[in-house]
PDB file of N, CA and C in Angstrom:
ATOM      1  N   MET A   1     -17.745   5.165   0.828  1.00  0.00           N
ATOM      2  CA  MET A   1     -16.505   5.429   0.270  1.00  0.00           C
ATOM      3  C   MET A   1     -16.417   4.771  -1.428  1.00  0.00           C
ATOM      4  N   ASN A   2     -17.236   5.134  -2.180  1.00  0.00           N
ATOM      5  CA  ASN A   2     -17.052   4.224  -3.388  1.00  0.00           C
ATOM      6  C   ASN A   2     -15.848   4.733  -4.334  1.00  0.00           C
ATOM      7  N   HIS A   3     -15.486   5.963  -4.156  1.00  0.00           N
ATOM      8  CA  HIS A   3     -14.224   5.953  -4.854  1.00  0.00           C
ATOM      9  C   HIS A   3     -12.854   6.635  -3.989  1.00  0.00           C
ATOM     10  N   VAL A   4     -12.989   6.456  -2.988  1.00  0.00           N
ATOM     11  CA  VAL A   4     -11.815   6.733  -2.208  1.00  0.00           C
ATOM     12  C   VAL A   4     -10.623   5.301  -2.273  1.00  0.00           C
ATOM     13  N   VAL A   5      -9.237   6.398  -3.067  1.00  0.00           N
ATOM     14  CA  VAL A   5      -8.189   5.499  -2.551  1.00  0.00           C
ATOM     15  C   VAL A   5      -6.896   5.699  -1.637  1.00  0.00           C
ATOM     16  N   ILE A   6      -6.819   4.758  -0.906  1.00  0.00           N
ATOM     17  CA  ILE A   6      -5.668   5.797  -0.157  1.00  0.00           C
ATOM     18  C   ILE A   6      -4.328   5.141  -0.769  1.00  0.00           C
ATOM     19  N   PRO A   7      -3.327   6.477  -0.587  1.00  0.00           N
ATOM     20  CA  PRO A   7      -1.963   6.427  -0.882  1.00  0.00           C
ATOM     21  C   PRO A   7      -1.643   5.842   0.476  1.00  0.00           C
ATOM     22  N   LEU A   8      -0.123   4.939   0.400  1.00  0.00           N
ATOM     23  CA  LEU A   8       0.435   4.342   1.498  1.00  0.00           C
ATOM     24  C   LEU A   8       1.254   5.116   1.975  1.00  0.00           C
ATOM     25  N   ASN A   9       1.542   5.983   1.612  1.00  0.00           N
ATOM     26  CA  ASN A   9       2.323   7.318   2.036  1.00  0.00           C
ATOM     27  C   ASN A   9       1.725   8.368   2.858  1.00  0.00           C
ATOM     28  N   ALA A  10       0.070   7.990   3.141  1.00  0.00           N
ATOM     29  CA  ALA A  10      -1.028   8.770   4.339  1.00  0.00           C
ATOM     30  C   ALA A  10      -0.693   8.015   5.991  1.00  0.00           C
ATOM     31  N   PHE A  11       0.476   6.829   5.764  1.00  0.00           N
ATOM     32  CA  PHE A  11       0.773   6.533   6.446  1.00  0.00           C
ATOM     33  C   PHE A  11       2.303   6.705   7.242  1.00  0.00           C
ATOM     34  N   ASP A  12       2.283   6.557   8.477  1.00  0.00           N
ATOM     35  CA  ASP A  12       3.890   6.705   8.887  1.00  0.00           C
ATOM     36  C   ASP A  12       4.844   6.063   7.723  1.00  0.00           C
ATOM     37  N   ARG A  13       5.711   6.754   7.637  1.00  0.00           N
ATOM     38  CA  ARG A  13       6.866   6.330   6.258  1.00  0.00           C
ATOM     39  C   ARG A  13       7.708   5.539   7.007  1.00  0.00           C
ATOM     40  N   LEU A  14       7.809   5.380   8.279  1.00  0.00           N
ATOM     41  CA  LEU A  14       8.764   4.581   8.871  1.00  0.00           C
ATOM     42  C   LEU A  14       8.173   3.266   9.334  1.00  0.00           C
ATOM     43  N   GLU A  15       7.102   3.211   9.469  1.00  0.00           N
ATOM     44  CA  GLU A  15       5.934   2.107   9.887  1.00  0.00           C
ATOM     45  C   GLU A  15       5.918   1.438   8.167  1.00  0.00           C
ATOM     46  N   VAL A  16       5.477   2.157   7.840  1.00  0.00           N
ATOM     47  CA  VAL A  16       5.642   1.283   5.608  1.00  0.00           C
ATOM     48  C   VAL A  16       6.725   0.951   5.793  1.00  0.00           C
ATOM     49  N   LEU A  17       8.046   1.513   6.059  1.00  0.00           N
ATOM     50  CA  LEU A  17       9.326   0.565   5.726  1.00  0.00           C
ATOM     51  C   LEU A  17       9.260  -0.654   6.200  1.00  0.00           C
ATOM     52  N   LYS A  18       9.146  -0.816   7.690  1.00  0.00           N
ATOM     53  CA  LYS A  18       9.200  -1.090   8.553  1.00  0.00           C
ATOM     54  C   LYS A  18       8.211  -2.649   7.818  1.00  0.00           C
ATOM     55  N   LYS A  19       7.427  -2.457   8.283  1.00  0.00           N
ATOM     56  CA  LYS A  19       5.749  -3.583   7.918  1.00  0.00           C
ATOM     57  C   LYS A  19       6.056  -4.186   6.447  1.00  0.00           C
ATOM     58  N   GLY A  20       5.785  -3.107   5.183  1.00  0.00           N
ATOM     59  CA  GLY A  20       5.639  -3.283   4.409  1.00  0.00           C
ATOM     60  C   GLY A  20       4.790  -3.014   3.761  1.00  0.00           C
ATOM     61  N   GLN A  21       4.342  -1.957   2.485  1.00  0.00           N
ATOM     62  CA  GLN A  21       3.022  -1.659   1.951  1.00  0.00           C
ATOM     63  C   GLN A  21       2.004  -3.014   2.110  1.00  0.00           C
ATOM     64  N   ALA A  22       1.920  -3.808   1.739  1.00  0.00           N
ATOM     65  CA  ALA A  22       1.586  -5.085   1.263  1.00  0.00           C
ATOM     66  C   ALA A  22       0.263  -5.175   3.424  1.00  0.00           C
ATOM     67  N   ALA A  23       1.521  -5.049   3.781  1.00  0.00           N
ATOM     68  CA  ALA A  23       0.641  -5.354   5.690  1.00  0.00           C
ATOM     69  C   ALA A  23      -0.602  -4.304   5.551  1.00  0.00           C
ATOM     70  N   PHE A  24      -0.941  -3.301   5.311  1.00  0.00           N
ATOM     71  CA  PHE A  24      -1.723  -2.175   5.374  1.00  0.00           C
ATOM     72  C   PHE A  24      -3.057  -2.046   4.552  1.00  0.00           C
ATOM     73  N   ILE A  25      -2.612  -3.082   3.620  1.00  0.00           N
ATOM     74  CA  ILE A  25      -3.757  -3.396   2.313  1.00  0.00           C
ATOM     75  C   ILE A  25      -5.080  -3.982   3.447  1.00  0.00           C
ATOM     76  N   PRO A  26      -4.745  -4.832   4.113  1.00  0.00           N
ATOM     77  CA  PRO A  26      -5.892  -5.282   5.154  1.00  0.00           C
ATOM     78  C   PRO A  26      -7.119  -4.289   5.608  1.00  0.00           C
ATOM     79  N   LEU A  27      -6.015  -3.293   6.430  1.00  0.00           N
ATOM     80  CA  LEU A  27      -7.027  -2.507   7.168  1.00  0.00           C
ATOM     81  C   LEU A  27      -7.253  -1.441   6.027  1.00  0.00           C
ATOM     82  N   ILE A  28      -6.667  -1.381   4.878  1.00  0.00           N
ATOM     83  CA  ILE A  28      -7.338  -0.305   4.698  1.00  0.00           C
ATOM     84  C   ILE A  28      -8.946  -1.208   3.228  1.00  0.00           C
ATOM     85  N   ALA A  29      -8.529  -1.958   3.189  1.00  0.00           N
ATOM     86  CA  ALA A  29      -9.941  -2.830   3.236  1.00  0.00           C
ATOM     87  C   ALA A  29     -11.267  -2.805   3.228  1.00  0.00           C
ATOM     88  N   ASN A  30     -10.531  -2.797   4.783  1.00  0.00           N
ATOM     89  CA  ASN A  30     -12.051  -2.795   5.461  1.00  0.00           C
ATOM     90  C   ASN A  30     -12.160  -1.938   5.932  1.00  0.00           C
ATOM     91  N   SER A  31     -11.454  -0.775   5.613  1.00  0.00           N
ATOM     92  CA  SER A  31     -12.242   0.575   5.979  1.00  0.00           C
ATOM     93  C   SER A  31     -13.445   0.895   5.023  1.00  0.00           C
ATOM     94  N   GLY A  32     -13.398   0.381   4.057  1.00  0.00           N
ATOM     95  CA  GLY A  32     -14.479   0.284   2.758  1.00  0.00           C
ATOM     96  C   GLY A  32     -13.943   1.269   1.999  1.00  0.00           C
ATOM     97  N   ALA A  33     -12.516   1.421   1.745  1.00  0.00           N
ATOM     98  CA  ALA A  33     -11.572   1.993   0.435  1.00  0.00           C
ATOM     99  C   ALA A  33     -12.047   1.334  -0.340  1.00  0.00           C
ATOM    100  N   PHE A  34     -11.695   2.075  -2.059  1.00  0.00           N
ATOM    101  CA  PHE A  34     -12.175   1.605  -3.068  1.00  0.00           C
ATOM    102  C   PHE A  34     -10.806   0.859  -3.490  1.00  0.00           C
ATOM    103  N   GLY A  35      -9.733   1.397  -3.290  1.00  0.00           N
ATOM    104  CA  GLY A  35      -8.633   1.231  -3.934  1.00  0.00           C
ATOM    105  C   GLY A  35      -7.123   1.594  -2.818  1.00  0.00           C
ATOM    106  N   VAL A  36      -5.831   1.166  -3.214  1.00  0.00           N
ATOM    107  CA  VAL A  36      -4.868   1.115  -2.724  1.00  0.00           C
ATOM    108  C   VAL A  36      -3.673   1.470  -3.468  1.00  0.00           C
ATOM    109  N   GLU A  37      -2.877   2.963  -3.342  1.00  0.00           N
ATOM    110  CA  GLU A  37      -2.381   3.662  -4.096  1.00  0.00           C
ATOM    111  C   GLU A  37      -0.386   3.129  -3.556  1.00  0.00           C
ATOM    112  N   ILE A  38      -0.242   2.280  -4.464  1.00  0.00           N
ATOM    113  CA  ILE A  38       1.204   1.778  -3.899  1.00  0.00           C
ATOM    114  C   ILE A  38       2.257   2.830  -4.411  1.00  0.00           C
ATOM    115  N   ARG A  39       3.019   3.199  -3.582  1.00  0.00           N
ATOM    116  CA  ARG A  39       4.378   4.230  -3.439  1.00  0.00           C
ATOM    117  C   ARG A  39       5.247   3.672  -3.636  1.00  0.00           C
ATOM    118  N   ARG A  40       6.083   4.118  -4.947  1.00  0.00           N
ATOM    119  CA  ARG A  40       7.355   3.863  -5.412  1.00  0.00           C
ATOM    120  C   ARG A  40       8.333   4.202  -4.479  1.00  0.00           C
ATOM    121  N   GLU A  41       8.131   4.945  -3.813  1.00  0.00           N
ATOM    122  CA  GLU A  41       8.921   5.651  -2.426  1.00  0.00           C
ATOM    123  C   GLU A  41       9.329   4.743  -1.442  1.00  0.00           C
ATOM    124  N   LEU A  42       8.149   3.757  -1.178  1.00  0.00           N
ATOM    125  CA  LEU A  42       8.217   3.082   0.098  1.00  0.00           C
ATOM    126  C   LEU A  42       8.068   1.422  -0.481  1.00  0.00           C
ATOM    127  N   ILE A  43       9.293   1.430  -1.392  1.00  0.00           N
ATOM    128  CA  ILE A  43       9.136  -0.201  -2.046  1.00  0.00           C
ATOM    129  C   ILE A  43      11.033  -0.176  -1.592  1.00  0.00           C
ATOM    130  N   GLN A  44      11.466  -1.372  -0.585  1.00  0.00           N
ATOM    131  CA  GLN A  44      12.085  -1.186  -0.529  1.00  0.00           C
ATOM    132  C   GLN A  44      13.028  -2.442  -1.356  1.00  0.00           C
ATOM    133  N   GLY A  45      14.124  -2.566  -1.616  1.00  0.00           N
ATOM    134  CA  GLY A  45      15.262  -3.470  -2.921  1.00  0.00           C
ATOM    135  C   GLY A  45      14.718  -3.812  -3.927  1.00  0.00           C
ATOM    136  N   GLY A  46      14.780  -2.656  -4.589  1.00  0.00           N
ATOM    137  CA  GLY A  46      14.386  -2.252  -5.894  1.00  0.00           C
ATOM    138  C   GLY A  46      13.097  -1.921  -6.355  1.00  0.00           C
ATOM    139  N   ILE A  47      12.801  -2.369  -7.828  1.00  0.00           N
ATOM    140  CA  ILE A  47      11.497  -2.171  -8.666  1.00  0.00           C
ATOM    141  C   ILE A  47      11.361  -3.442  -8.466  1.00  0.00           C
ATOM    142  N   ILE A  48       9.451  -3.572  -8.092  1.00  0.00           N
ATOM    143  CA  ILE A  48       8.525  -4.666  -8.270  1.00  0.00           C
ATOM    144  C   ILE A  48       8.252  -4.680  -9.178  1.00  0.00           C
ATOM    145  N   SER A  49       7.367  -5.703  -9.775  1.00  0.00           N
ATOM    146  CA  SER A  49       6.754  -5.763 -10.849  1.00  0.00           C
ATOM    147  C   SER A  49       5.192  -5.679 -10.149  1.00  0.00           C
ATOM    148  N   LEU A  50       4.573  -4.907 -10.731  1.00  0.00           N
ATOM    149  CA  LEU A  50       3.134  -4.738 -10.674  1.00  0.00           C
ATOM    150  C   LEU A  50       2.453  -6.367 -10.165  1.00  0.00           C
ATOM    151  N   PRO A  51       2.620  -7.269 -11.463  1.00  0.00           N
ATOM    152  CA  PRO A  51       1.604  -8.609 -10.998  1.00  0.00           C
ATOM    153  C   PRO A  51       2.661  -8.696  -9.737  1.00  0.00           C
ATOM    154  N   ARG A  52       3.601  -9.229  -9.346  1.00  0.00           N
ATOM    155  CA  ARG A  52       4.346  -9.440  -8.033  1.00  0.00           C
ATOM    156  C   ARG A  52       3.270  -8.389  -6.522  1.00  0.00           C
ATOM    157  N   LEU A  53       2.955  -7.265  -6.935  1.00  0.00           N
ATOM    158  CA  LEU A  53       2.853  -6.364  -6.166  1.00  0.00           C
ATOM    159  C   LEU A  53       1.302  -6.994  -5.660  1.00  0.00           C
ATOM    160  N   LYS A  54       0.530  -7.532  -6.882  1.00  0.00           N
ATOM    161  CA  LYS A  54      -0.746  -7.814  -6.550  1.00  0.00           C
ATOM    162  C   LYS A  54      -1.022  -9.339  -6.171  1.00  0.00           C
ATOM    163  N   MET A  55       0.006 -10.313  -6.533  1.00  0.00           N
ATOM    164  CA  MET A  55       0.451 -11.585  -5.543  1.00  0.00           C
ATOM    165  C   MET A  55       0.195 -11.358  -3.826  1.00  0.00           C
ATOM    166  N   ASN A  56       0.800  -9.990  -3.232  1.00  0.00           N
ATOM    167  CA  ASN A  56       1.368 -10.061  -2.108  1.00  0.00           C
ATOM    168  C   ASN A  56       0.027  -9.916  -1.072  1.00  0.00           C
TER     169      ASN A  56
END
């Protein structure tokens, strides 16, 4: 999977909102995907800067 990017809205919306998007990153990384697409509509609590997301 050289260039597959998994959008986080591919997962159950309520589960992503409950666990947070960062909880799905190890699963996606272990699948061999190239990257993750963070979804603005799945961010709770307002706007989060990209550097802050990167740290999670």
